[in-house]
Amino acid sequence: HHCLGCIWSRRDKKENKQLAQSIRATISQFNAVTNCVLSTIL
């Protein structure tokens, strides 16, 4: 339910820094994979 637009769209407000941490973790992992590809190549 943290994926709902009414929740996820509020994540950048100062008081919501801890909101939807499980989704943020998947995003960080996605970034890490992308960065791993780039670093090995470049």
PDB file of all heavy atoms in Angstrom:
ATOM      1  N   HIS A   1       0.819  -1.217   0.000  1.00  0.00           N
ATOM      2  CA  HIS A   1       0.000   0.000   0.000  1.00  0.00           C
ATOM      3  C   HIS A   1       0.856   1.272   0.000  1.00  0.00           C
ATOM      4  O   HIS A   1       0.352   2.356  -0.286  1.00  0.00           O
ATOM      5  CB  HIS A   1      -0.981   0.003   1.184  1.00  0.00           C
ATOM      6  CG  HIS A   1      -0.359   0.329   2.512  1.00  0.00           C
ATOM      7  ND1 HIS A   1       0.154  -0.635   3.356  1.00  0.00           N
ATOM      8  CD2 HIS A   1      -0.175   1.522   3.147  1.00  0.00           C
ATOM      9  CE1 HIS A   1       0.623  -0.065   4.450  1.00  0.00           C
ATOM     10  NE2 HIS A   1       0.449   1.242   4.353  1.00  0.00           N
ATOM     11  N   HIS A   2       2.161   1.145   0.290  1.00  0.00           N
ATOM     12  CA  HIS A   2       3.044   2.306   0.180  1.00  0.00           C
ATOM     13  C   HIS A   2       3.263   2.719  -1.278  1.00  0.00           C
ATOM     14  O   HIS A   2       3.733   3.817  -1.551  1.00  0.00           O
ATOM     15  CB  HIS A   2       4.397   2.014   0.830  1.00  0.00           C
ATOM     16  CG  HIS A   2       4.353   2.026   2.322  1.00  0.00           C
ATOM     17  ND1 HIS A   2       5.425   1.647   3.115  1.00  0.00           N
ATOM     18  CD2 HIS A   2       3.359   2.366   3.185  1.00  0.00           C
ATOM     19  CE1 HIS A   2       5.085   1.754   4.391  1.00  0.00           C
ATOM     20  NE2 HIS A   2       3.845   2.183   4.454  1.00  0.00           N
ATOM     21  N   CYS A   3       2.914   1.824  -2.199  1.00  0.00           N
ATOM     22  CA  CYS A   3       3.050   2.143  -3.627  1.00  0.00           C
ATOM     23  C   CYS A   3       1.927   3.040  -4.131  1.00  0.00           C
ATOM     24  O   CYS A   3       2.018   3.579  -5.246  1.00  0.00           O
ATOM     25  CB  CYS A   3       3.073   0.855  -4.460  1.00  0.00           C
ATOM     26  SG  CYS A   3       4.445  -0.262  -4.090  1.00  0.00           S
ATOM     27  N   LEU A   4       0.861   3.185  -3.355  1.00  0.00           N
ATOM     28  CA  LEU A   4      -0.257   4.033  -3.783  1.00  0.00           C
ATOM     29  C   LEU A   4       0.214   5.452  -4.063  1.00  0.00           C
ATOM     30  O   LEU A   4       1.066   5.988  -3.346  1.00  0.00           O
ATOM     31  CB  LEU A   4      -1.342   4.049  -2.701  1.00  0.00           C
ATOM     32  CG  LEU A   4      -2.128   2.748  -2.499  1.00  0.00           C
ATOM     33  CD1 LEU A   4      -2.998   2.847  -1.258  1.00  0.00           C
ATOM     34  CD2 LEU A   4      -2.979   2.437  -3.730  1.00  0.00           C
ATOM     35  N   GLY A   5      -0.353   6.044  -5.107  1.00  0.00           N
ATOM     36  CA  GLY A   5       0.064   7.389  -5.488  1.00  0.00           C
ATOM     37  C   GLY A   5      -0.115   8.407  -4.389  1.00  0.00           C
ATOM     38  O   GLY A   5       0.707   9.315  -4.233  1.00  0.00           O
ATOM     39  N   CYS A   6      -1.180   8.266  -3.591  1.00  0.00           N
ATOM     40  CA  CYS A   6      -1.444   9.234  -2.522  1.00  0.00           C
ATOM     41  C   CYS A   6      -0.380   9.176  -1.429  1.00  0.00           C
ATOM     42  O   CYS A   6      -0.202  10.141  -0.678  1.00  0.00           O
ATOM     43  CB  CYS A   6      -2.830   9.004  -1.928  1.00  0.00           C
ATOM     44  SG  CYS A   6      -3.041   7.363  -1.170  1.00  0.00           S
ATOM     45  N   ILE A   7       0.342   8.061  -1.327  1.00  0.00           N
ATOM     46  CA  ILE A   7       1.411   7.924  -0.332  1.00  0.00           C
ATOM     47  C   ILE A   7       2.772   8.211  -0.958  1.00  0.00           C
ATOM     48  O   ILE A   7       3.549   9.019  -0.454  1.00  0.00           O
ATOM     49  CB  ILE A   7       1.406   6.514   0.286  1.00  0.00           C
ATOM     50  CG1 ILE A   7       0.097   6.284   1.060  1.00  0.00           C
ATOM     51  CG2 ILE A   7       2.609   6.312   1.202  1.00  0.00           C
ATOM     52  CD1 ILE A   7      -0.033   4.908   1.657  1.00  0.00           C
ATOM     53  N   TRP A   8       3.062   7.550  -2.069  1.00  0.00           N
ATOM     54  CA  TRP A   8       4.371   7.680  -2.702  1.00  0.00           C
ATOM     55  C   TRP A   8       4.647   9.107  -3.167  1.00  0.00           C
ATOM     56  O   TRP A   8       5.783   9.582  -3.116  1.00  0.00           O
ATOM     57  CB  TRP A   8       4.464   6.708  -3.869  1.00  0.00           C
ATOM     58  CG  TRP A   8       5.766   6.717  -4.586  1.00  0.00           C
ATOM     59  CD1 TRP A   8       5.980   7.029  -5.888  1.00  0.00           C
ATOM     60  CD2 TRP A   8       7.058   6.406  -4.048  1.00  0.00           C
ATOM     61  NE1 TRP A   8       7.325   6.934  -6.203  1.00  0.00           N
ATOM     62  CE2 TRP A   8       7.997   6.553  -5.084  1.00  0.00           C
ATOM     63  CE3 TRP A   8       7.505   6.022  -2.788  1.00  0.00           C
ATOM     64  CZ2 TRP A   8       9.358   6.325  -4.897  1.00  0.00           C
ATOM     65  CZ3 TRP A   8       8.856   5.800  -2.604  1.00  0.00           C
ATOM     66  CH2 TRP A   8       9.765   5.946  -3.647  1.00  0.00           C
ATOM     67  N   SER A   9       3.628   9.825  -3.614  1.00  0.00           N
ATOM     68  CA  SER A   9       3.832  11.187  -4.115  1.00  0.00           C
ATOM     69  C   SER A   9       4.169  12.168  -2.999  1.00  0.00           C
ATOM     70  O   SER A   9       4.618  13.277  -3.266  1.00  0.00           O
ATOM     71  CB  SER A   9       2.578  11.670  -4.858  1.00  0.00           C
ATOM     72  OG  SER A   9       1.453  11.688  -3.987  1.00  0.00           O
ATOM     73  N   ARG A  10       3.998  11.769  -1.736  1.00  0.00           N
ATOM     74  CA  ARG A  10       4.299  12.664  -0.607  1.00  0.00           C
ATOM     75  C   ARG A  10       5.671  12.396  -0.006  1.00  0.00           C
ATOM     76  O   ARG A  10       6.044  13.006   0.993  1.00  0.00           O
ATOM     77  CB  ARG A  10       3.240  12.500   0.500  1.00  0.00           C
ATOM     78  CG  ARG A  10       1.819  12.787   0.086  1.00  0.00           C
ATOM     79  CD  ARG A  10       0.965  13.087   1.315  1.00  0.00           C
ATOM     80  NE  ARG A  10       1.145  12.107   2.373  1.00  0.00           N
ATOM     81  CZ  ARG A  10       0.349  11.065   2.576  1.00  0.00           C
ATOM     82  NH1 ARG A  10      -0.665  10.850   1.769  1.00  0.00           N
ATOM     83  NH2 ARG A  10       0.569  10.237   3.574  1.00  0.00           N
ATOM     84  N   ARG A  11       6.442  11.511  -0.615  1.00  0.00           N
ATOM     85  CA  ARG A  11       7.678  11.041   0.010  1.00  0.00           C
ATOM     86  C   ARG A  11       8.746  12.120   0.153  1.00  0.00           C
ATOM     87  O   ARG A  11       9.635  11.987   0.980  1.00  0.00           O
ATOM     88  CB  ARG A  11       8.253   9.884  -0.801  1.00  0.00           C
ATOM     89  CG  ARG A  11       8.807  10.323  -2.148  1.00  0.00           C
ATOM     90  CD  ARG A  11       9.059   9.132  -3.050  1.00  0.00           C
ATOM     91  NE  ARG A  11       9.647   9.543  -4.320  1.00  0.00           N
ATOM     92  CZ  ARG A  11       8.968  10.084  -5.307  1.00  0.00           C
ATOM     93  NH1 ARG A  11       7.664  10.312  -5.162  1.00  0.00           N
ATOM     94  NH2 ARG A  11       9.560  10.422  -6.431  1.00  0.00           N
ATOM     95  N   ASP A  12       8.681  13.185  -0.671  1.00  0.00           N
ATOM     96  CA  ASP A  12       9.749  14.184  -0.666  1.00  0.00           C
ATOM     97  C   ASP A  12       9.506  15.328   0.314  1.00  0.00           C
ATOM     98  O   ASP A  12      10.338  16.220   0.427  1.00  0.00           O
ATOM     99  CB  ASP A  12       9.940  14.753  -2.075  1.00  0.00           C
ATOM    100  CG  ASP A  12      10.515  13.705  -3.020  1.00  0.00           C
ATOM    101  OD1 ASP A  12      11.443  12.995  -2.601  1.00  0.00           O
ATOM    102  OD2 ASP A  12      10.033  13.592  -4.144  1.00  0.00           O
ATOM    103  N   LYS A  13       8.373  15.314   0.995  1.00  0.00           N
ATOM    104  CA  LYS A  13       8.151  16.335   2.010  1.00  0.00           C
ATOM    105  C   LYS A  13       9.077  16.083   3.197  1.00  0.00           C
ATOM    106  O   LYS A  13       9.406  14.945   3.524  1.00  0.00           O
ATOM    107  CB  LYS A  13       6.690  16.316   2.465  1.00  0.00           C
ATOM    108  CG  LYS A  13       5.706  16.758   1.379  1.00  0.00           C
ATOM    109  CD  LYS A  13       4.291  16.815   1.914  1.00  0.00           C
ATOM    110  CE  LYS A  13       3.334  17.323   0.848  1.00  0.00           C
ATOM    111  NZ  LYS A  13       1.932  17.376   1.338  1.00  0.00           N
ATOM    112  N   LYS A  14       9.497  17.156   3.839  1.00  0.00           N
ATOM    113  CA  LYS A  14      10.480  17.051   4.917  1.00  0.00           C
ATOM    114  C   LYS A  14      10.025  16.114   6.014  1.00  0.00           C
ATOM    115  O   LYS A  14      10.821  15.356   6.571  1.00  0.00           O
ATOM    116  CB  LYS A  14      10.761  18.438   5.494  1.00  0.00           C
ATOM    117  CG  LYS A  14      11.466  19.378   4.511  1.00  0.00           C
ATOM    118  CD  LYS A  14      11.733  20.725   5.156  1.00  0.00           C
ATOM    119  CE  LYS A  14      12.458  21.651   4.182  1.00  0.00           C
ATOM    120  NZ  LYS A  14      12.716  22.982   4.778  1.00  0.00           N
ATOM    121  N   GLU A  15       8.733  16.139   6.338  1.00  0.00           N
ATOM    122  CA  GLU A  15       8.257  15.311   7.432  1.00  0.00           C
ATOM    123  C   GLU A  15       8.087  13.844   7.038  1.00  0.00           C
ATOM    124  O   GLU A  15       7.771  13.003   7.878  1.00  0.00           O
ATOM    125  CB  GLU A  15       6.910  15.846   7.952  1.00  0.00           C
ATOM    126  CG  GLU A  15       5.768  15.792   6.940  1.00  0.00           C
ATOM    127  CD  GLU A  15       5.690  17.038   6.064  1.00  0.00           C
ATOM    128  OE1 GLU A  15       6.701  17.763   5.985  1.00  0.00           O
ATOM    129  OE2 GLU A  15       4.621  17.280   5.484  1.00  0.00           O
ATOM    130  N   ASN A  16       8.293  13.516   5.732  1.00  0.00           N
ATOM    131  CA  ASN A  16       8.084  12.148   5.262  1.00  0.00           C
ATOM    132  C   ASN A  16       9.372  11.471   4.816  1.00  0.00           C
ATOM    133  O   ASN A  16       9.361  10.600   3.952  1.00  0.00           O
ATOM    134  CB  ASN A  16       7.074  12.141   4.104  1.00  0.00           C
ATOM    135  CG  ASN A  16       5.692  12.565   4.538  1.00  0.00           C
ATOM    136  OD1 ASN A  16       5.308  12.378   5.688  1.00  0.00           O
ATOM    137  ND2 ASN A  16       4.932  13.138   3.624  1.00  0.00           N
ATOM    138  N   LYS A  17      10.486  11.852   5.412  1.00  0.00           N
ATOM    139  CA  LYS A  17      11.767  11.275   5.000  1.00  0.00           C
ATOM    140  C   LYS A  17      11.849   9.779   5.266  1.00  0.00           C
ATOM    141  O   LYS A  17      12.596   9.072   4.602  1.00  0.00           O
ATOM    142  CB  LYS A  17      12.912  11.996   5.726  1.00  0.00           C
ATOM    143  CG  LYS A  17      13.141  13.427   5.251  1.00  0.00           C
ATOM    144  CD  LYS A  17      14.331  14.047   5.948  1.00  0.00           C
ATOM    145  CE  LYS A  17      14.584  15.463   5.447  1.00  0.00           C
ATOM    146  NZ  LYS A  17      15.758  16.095   6.111  1.00  0.00           N
ATOM    147  N   GLN A  18      11.105   9.300   6.248  1.00  0.00           N
ATOM    148  CA  GLN A  18      11.124   7.873   6.588  1.00  0.00           C
ATOM    149  C   GLN A  18       9.975   7.114   5.928  1.00  0.00           C
ATOM    150  O   GLN A  18       9.777   5.929   6.204  1.00  0.00           O
ATOM    151  CB  GLN A  18      11.048   7.700   8.115  1.00  0.00           C
ATOM    152  CG  GLN A  18      12.185   8.364   8.864  1.00  0.00           C
ATOM    153  CD  GLN A  18      13.540   7.854   8.427  1.00  0.00           C
ATOM    154  OE1 GLN A  18      13.734   6.663   8.224  1.00  0.00           O
ATOM    155  NE2 GLN A  18      14.499   8.764   8.271  1.00  0.00           N
ATOM    156  N   LEU A  19       9.239   7.779   5.037  1.00  0.00           N
ATOM    157  CA  LEU A  19       8.081   7.154   4.401  1.00  0.00           C
ATOM    158  C   LEU A  19       8.534   6.183   3.311  1.00  0.00           C
ATOM    159  O   LEU A  19       9.468   6.452   2.559  1.00  0.00           O
ATOM    160  CB  LEU A  19       7.176   8.235   3.793  1.00  0.00           C
ATOM    161  CG  LEU A  19       5.827   7.778   3.227  1.00  0.00           C
ATOM    162  CD1 LEU A  19       4.940   7.263   4.350  1.00  0.00           C
ATOM    163  CD2 LEU A  19       5.153   8.926   2.486  1.00  0.00           C
ATOM    164  N   ALA A  20       7.854   5.048   3.236  1.00  0.00           N
ATOM    165  CA  ALA A  20       8.051   4.058   2.170  1.00  0.00           C
ATOM    166  C   ALA A  20       9.507   3.617   2.051  1.00  0.00           C
ATOM    167  O   ALA A  20      10.065   3.574   0.959  1.00  0.00           O
ATOM    168  CB  ALA A  20       7.542   4.616   0.839  1.00  0.00           C
ATOM    169  N   GLN A  21      10.116   3.264   3.164  1.00  0.00           N
ATOM    170  CA  GLN A  21      11.514   2.849   3.146  1.00  0.00           C
ATOM    171  C   GLN A  21      11.735   1.573   2.339  1.00  0.00           C
ATOM    172  O   GLN A  21      12.788   1.397   1.726  1.00  0.00           O
ATOM    173  CB  GLN A  21      12.014   2.639   4.578  1.00  0.00           C
ATOM    174  CG  GLN A  21      12.194   3.918   5.371  1.00  0.00           C
ATOM    175  CD  GLN A  21      13.245   4.827   4.739  1.00  0.00           C
ATOM    176  OE1 GLN A  21      14.311   4.373   4.361  1.00  0.00           O
ATOM    177  NE2 GLN A  21      12.937   6.109   4.630  1.00  0.00           N
ATOM    178  N   SER A  22      10.747   0.685   2.319  1.00  0.00           N
ATOM    179  CA  SER A  22      10.912  -0.567   1.568  1.00  0.00           C
ATOM    180  C   SER A  22      10.991  -0.299   0.070  1.00  0.00           C
ATOM    181  O   SER A  22      11.721  -0.986  -0.659  1.00  0.00           O
ATOM    182  CB  SER A  22       9.751  -1.521   1.873  1.00  0.00           C
ATOM    183  OG  SER A  22       8.501  -0.945   1.500  1.00  0.00           O
ATOM    184  N   ILE A  23      10.264   0.718  -0.393  1.00  0.00           N
ATOM    185  CA  ILE A  23      10.327   1.075  -1.816  1.00  0.00           C
ATOM    186  C   ILE A  23      11.647   1.779  -2.111  1.00  0.00           C
ATOM    187  O   ILE A  23      12.292   1.523  -3.135  1.00  0.00           O
ATOM    188  CB  ILE A  23       9.138   1.972  -2.204  1.00  0.00           C
ATOM    189  CG1 ILE A  23       7.817   1.249  -1.935  1.00  0.00           C
ATOM    190  CG2 ILE A  23       9.223   2.375  -3.678  1.00  0.00           C
ATOM    191  CD1 ILE A  23       6.595   2.082  -2.233  1.00  0.00           C
ATOM    192  N   ARG A  24      12.061   2.647  -1.230  1.00  0.00           N
ATOM    193  CA  ARG A  24      13.346   3.336  -1.412  1.00  0.00           C
ATOM    194  C   ARG A  24      14.499   2.335  -1.490  1.00  0.00           C
ATOM    195  O   ARG A  24      15.466   2.540  -2.217  1.00  0.00           O
ATOM    196  CB  ARG A  24      13.570   4.330  -0.264  1.00  0.00           C
ATOM    197  CG  ARG A  24      12.581   5.493  -0.217  1.00  0.00           C
ATOM    198  CD  ARG A  24      12.870   6.361   0.995  1.00  0.00           C
ATOM    199  NE  ARG A  24      11.836   7.339   1.231  1.00  0.00           N
ATOM    200  CZ  ARG A  24      11.847   8.585   0.755  1.00  0.00           C
ATOM    201  NH1 ARG A  24      12.848   8.974  -0.016  1.00  0.00           N
ATOM    202  NH2 ARG A  24      10.870   9.423   1.029  1.00  0.00           N
ATOM    203  N   ALA A  25      14.386   1.246  -0.737  1.00  0.00           N
ATOM    204  CA  ALA A  25      15.442   0.235  -0.759  1.00  0.00           C
ATOM    205  C   ALA A  25      15.538  -0.429  -2.129  1.00  0.00           C
ATOM    206  O   ALA A  25      16.638  -0.692  -2.627  1.00  0.00           O
ATOM    207  CB  ALA A  25      15.183  -0.815   0.323  1.00  0.00           C
ATOM    208  N   THR A  26      14.388  -0.702  -2.758  1.00  0.00           N
ATOM    209  CA  THR A  26      14.420  -1.296  -4.103  1.00  0.00           C
ATOM    210  C   THR A  26      15.003  -0.317  -5.108  1.00  0.00           C
ATOM    211  O   THR A  26      15.707  -0.715  -6.043  1.00  0.00           O
ATOM    212  CB  THR A  26      13.008  -1.707  -4.551  1.00  0.00           C
ATOM    213  OG1 THR A  26      12.166  -0.549  -4.673  1.00  0.00           O
ATOM    214  CG2 THR A  26      12.374  -2.667  -3.558  1.00  0.00           C
ATOM    215  N   ILE A  27      14.738   0.968  -4.925  1.00  0.00           N
ATOM    216  CA  ILE A  27      15.277   1.987  -5.813  1.00  0.00           C
ATOM    217  C   ILE A  27      16.787   2.085  -5.653  1.00  0.00           C
ATOM    218  O   ILE A  27      17.534   2.191  -6.637  1.00  0.00           O
ATOM    219  CB  ILE A  27      14.605   3.351  -5.527  1.00  0.00           C
ATOM    220  CG1 ILE A  27      13.118   3.283  -5.846  1.00  0.00           C
ATOM    221  CG2 ILE A  27      15.261   4.464  -6.333  1.00  0.00           C
ATOM    222  CD1 ILE A  27      12.343   4.508  -5.432  1.00  0.00           C
ATOM    223  N   SER A  28      17.249   2.042  -4.403  1.00  0.00           N
ATOM    224  CA  SER A  28      18.693   2.091  -4.163  1.00  0.00           C
ATOM    225  C   SER A  28      19.395   0.902  -4.802  1.00  0.00           C
ATOM    226  O   SER A  28      20.491   1.036  -5.363  1.00  0.00           O
ATOM    227  CB  SER A  28      18.964   2.127  -2.656  1.00  0.00           C
ATOM    228  OG  SER A  28      18.432   3.304  -2.070  1.00  0.00           O
ATOM    229  N   GLN A  29      18.772  -0.268  -4.728  1.00  0.00           N
ATOM    230  CA  GLN A  29      19.353  -1.460  -5.350  1.00  0.00           C
ATOM    231  C   GLN A  29      19.387  -1.313  -6.872  1.00  0.00           C
ATOM    232  O   GLN A  29      20.380  -1.666  -7.522  1.00  0.00           O
ATOM    233  CB  GLN A  29      18.539  -2.698  -4.961  1.00  0.00           C
ATOM    234  CG  GLN A  29      18.919  -3.982  -5.696  1.00  0.00           C
ATOM    235  CD  GLN A  29      20.321  -4.471  -5.364  1.00  0.00           C
ATOM    236  OE1 GLN A  29      20.951  -3.997  -4.420  1.00  0.00           O
ATOM    237  NE2 GLN A  29      20.812  -5.439  -6.135  1.00  0.00           N
ATOM    238  N   PHE A  30      18.329  -0.781  -7.446  1.00  0.00           N
ATOM    239  CA  PHE A  30      18.286  -0.533  -8.888  1.00  0.00           C
ATOM    240  C   PHE A  30      19.431   0.398  -9.294  1.00  0.00           C
ATOM    241  O   PHE A  30      20.152   0.145 -10.261  1.00  0.00           O
ATOM    242  CB  PHE A  30      16.943   0.095  -9.261  1.00  0.00           C
ATOM    243  CG  PHE A  30      16.704   0.223 -10.741  1.00  0.00           C
ATOM    244  CD1 PHE A  30      15.919  -0.693 -11.414  1.00  0.00           C
ATOM    245  CD2 PHE A  30      17.255   1.266 -11.458  1.00  0.00           C
ATOM    246  CE1 PHE A  30      15.693  -0.576 -12.780  1.00  0.00           C
ATOM    247  CE2 PHE A  30      17.043   1.398 -12.815  1.00  0.00           C
ATOM    248  CZ  PHE A  30      16.258   0.473 -13.481  1.00  0.00           C
ATOM    249  N   ASN A  31      19.620   1.443  -8.533  1.00  0.00           N
ATOM    250  CA  ASN A  31      20.718   2.388  -8.787  1.00  0.00           C
ATOM    251  C   ASN A  31      22.068   1.712  -8.662  1.00  0.00           C
ATOM    252  O   ASN A  31      22.992   1.981  -9.430  1.00  0.00           O
ATOM    253  CB  ASN A  31      20.645   3.554  -7.799  1.00  0.00           C
ATOM    254  CG  ASN A  31      19.761   4.666  -8.320  1.00  0.00           C
ATOM    255  OD1 ASN A  31      19.264   4.604  -9.427  1.00  0.00           O
ATOM    256  ND2 ASN A  31      19.549   5.675  -7.511  1.00  0.00           N
ATOM    257  N   ALA A  32      22.197   0.838  -7.649  1.00  0.00           N
ATOM    258  CA  ALA A  32      23.469   0.164  -7.419  1.00  0.00           C
ATOM    259  C   ALA A  32      23.833  -0.745  -8.589  1.00  0.00           C
ATOM    260  O   ALA A  32      24.997  -0.819  -8.994  1.00  0.00           O
ATOM    261  CB  ALA A  32      23.409  -0.645  -6.124  1.00  0.00           C
ATOM    262  N   VAL A  33      22.837  -1.432  -9.146  1.00  0.00           N
ATOM    263  CA  VAL A  33      23.094  -2.299 -10.304  1.00  0.00           C
ATOM    264  C   VAL A  33      23.520  -1.456 -11.501  1.00  0.00           C
ATOM    265  O   VAL A  33      24.489  -1.770 -12.197  1.00  0.00           O
ATOM    266  CB  VAL A  33      21.848  -3.131 -10.640  1.00  0.00           C
ATOM    267  CG1 VAL A  33      22.074  -3.942 -11.925  1.00  0.00           C
ATOM    268  CG2 VAL A  33      21.500  -4.071  -9.493  1.00  0.00           C
ATOM    269  N   THR A  34      22.794  -0.364 -11.735  1.00  0.00           N
ATOM    270  CA  THR A  34      23.138   0.517 -12.846  1.00  0.00           C
ATOM    271  C   THR A  34      24.551   1.070 -12.693  1.00  0.00           C
ATOM    272  O   THR A  34      25.347   1.087 -13.638  1.00  0.00           O
ATOM    273  CB  THR A  34      22.135   1.689 -12.931  1.00  0.00           C
ATOM    274  OG1 THR A  34      20.817   1.160 -13.056  1.00  0.00           O
ATOM    275  CG2 THR A  34      22.424   2.583 -14.120  1.00  0.00           C
ATOM    276  N   ASN A  35      24.873   1.520 -11.485  1.00  0.00           N
ATOM    277  CA  ASN A  35      26.198   2.073 -11.237  1.00  0.00           C
ATOM    278  C   ASN A  35      27.291   1.019 -11.382  1.00  0.00           C
ATOM    279  O   ASN A  35      28.395   1.305 -11.842  1.00  0.00           O
ATOM    280  CB  ASN A  35      26.256   2.680  -9.834  1.00  0.00           C
ATOM    281  CG  ASN A  35      27.579   3.367  -9.555  1.00  0.00           C
ATOM    282  OD1 ASN A  35      27.868   4.414 -10.118  1.00  0.00           O
ATOM    283  ND2 ASN A  35      28.388   2.758  -8.707  1.00  0.00           N
ATOM    284  N   CYS A  36      26.977  -0.218 -10.997  1.00  0.00           N
ATOM    285  CA  CYS A  36      27.952  -1.306 -11.126  1.00  0.00           C
ATOM    286  C   CYS A  36      28.298  -1.541 -12.595  1.00  0.00           C
ATOM    287  O   CYS A  36      29.465  -1.720 -12.957  1.00  0.00           O
ATOM    288  CB  CYS A  36      27.387  -2.585 -10.504  1.00  0.00           C
ATOM    289  SG  CYS A  36      28.528  -3.971 -10.503  1.00  0.00           S
ATOM    290  N   VAL A  37      27.280  -1.527 -13.450  1.00  0.00           N
ATOM    291  CA  VAL A  37      27.518  -1.691 -14.890  1.00  0.00           C
ATOM    292  C   VAL A  37      28.397  -0.563 -15.414  1.00  0.00           C
ATOM    293  O   VAL A  37      29.388  -0.778 -16.118  1.00  0.00           O
ATOM    294  CB  VAL A  37      26.183  -1.726 -15.662  1.00  0.00           C
ATOM    295  CG1 VAL A  37      26.439  -1.837 -17.172  1.00  0.00           C
ATOM    296  CG2 VAL A  37      25.320  -2.895 -15.196  1.00  0.00           C
ATOM    297  N   LEU A  38      28.053   0.669 -15.047  1.00  0.00           N
ATOM    298  CA  LEU A  38      28.794   1.829 -15.535  1.00  0.00           C
ATOM    299  C   LEU A  38      30.234   1.836 -15.040  1.00  0.00           C
ATOM    300  O   LEU A  38      31.164   2.136 -15.795  1.00  0.00           O
ATOM    301  CB  LEU A  38      28.087   3.109 -15.085  1.00  0.00           C
ATOM    302  CG  LEU A  38      26.687   3.345 -15.662  1.00  0.00           C
ATOM    303  CD1 LEU A  38      26.038   4.532 -14.985  1.00  0.00           C
ATOM    304  CD2 LEU A  38      26.755   3.552 -17.158  1.00  0.00           C
ATOM    305  N   SER A  39      30.438   1.500 -13.766  1.00  0.00           N
ATOM    306  CA  SER A  39      31.790   1.559 -13.213  1.00  0.00           C
ATOM    307  C   SER A  39      32.698   0.508 -13.828  1.00  0.00           C
ATOM    308  O   SER A  39      33.878   0.771 -14.086  1.00  0.00           O
ATOM    309  CB  SER A  39      31.745   1.407 -11.688  1.00  0.00           C
ATOM    310  OG  SER A  39      31.212   0.146 -11.324  1.00  0.00           O
ATOM    311  N   THR A  40      32.182  -0.699 -14.066  1.00  0.00           N
ATOM    312  CA  THR A  40      33.016  -1.738 -14.669  1.00  0.00           C
ATOM    313  C   THR A  40      33.406  -1.385 -16.102  1.00  0.00           C
ATOM    314  O   THR A  40      34.483  -1.774 -16.568  1.00  0.00           O
ATOM    315  CB  THR A  40      32.297  -3.094 -14.661  1.00  0.00           C
ATOM    316  OG1 THR A  40      31.021  -2.961 -15.294  1.00  0.00           O
ATOM    317  CG2 THR A  40      32.127  -3.611 -13.244  1.00  0.00           C
ATOM    318  N   ILE A  41      32.560  -0.631 -16.788  1.00  0.00           N
ATOM    319  CA  ILE A  41      32.835  -0.282 -18.187  1.00  0.00           C
ATOM    320  C   ILE A  41      33.692   0.971 -18.303  1.00  0.00           C
ATOM    321  O   ILE A  41      34.619   1.043 -19.115  1.00  0.00           O
ATOM    322  CB  ILE A  41      31.516  -0.078 -18.961  1.00  0.00           C
ATOM    323  CG1 ILE A  41      30.724  -1.386 -19.014  1.00  0.00           C
ATOM    324  CG2 ILE A  41      31.783   0.425 -20.386  1.00  0.00           C
ATOM    325  CD1 ILE A  41      29.333  -1.234 -19.578  1.00  0.00           C
ATOM    326  N   LEU A  42      33.440   1.961 -17.443  1.00  0.00           N
ATOM    327  CA  LEU A  42      34.012   3.294 -17.650  1.00  0.00           C
ATOM    328  C   LEU A  42      35.139   3.678 -16.700  1.00  0.00           C
ATOM    329  O   LEU A  42      35.906   4.595 -16.998  1.00  0.00           O
ATOM    330  CB  LEU A  42      32.908   4.349 -17.533  1.00  0.00           C
ATOM    331  CG  LEU A  42      31.733   4.228 -18.506  1.00  0.00           C
ATOM    332  CD1 LEU A  42      30.685   5.276 -18.189  1.00  0.00           C
ATOM    333  CD2 LEU A  42      32.201   4.372 -19.938  1.00  0.00           C
TER     334      LEU A  42
END
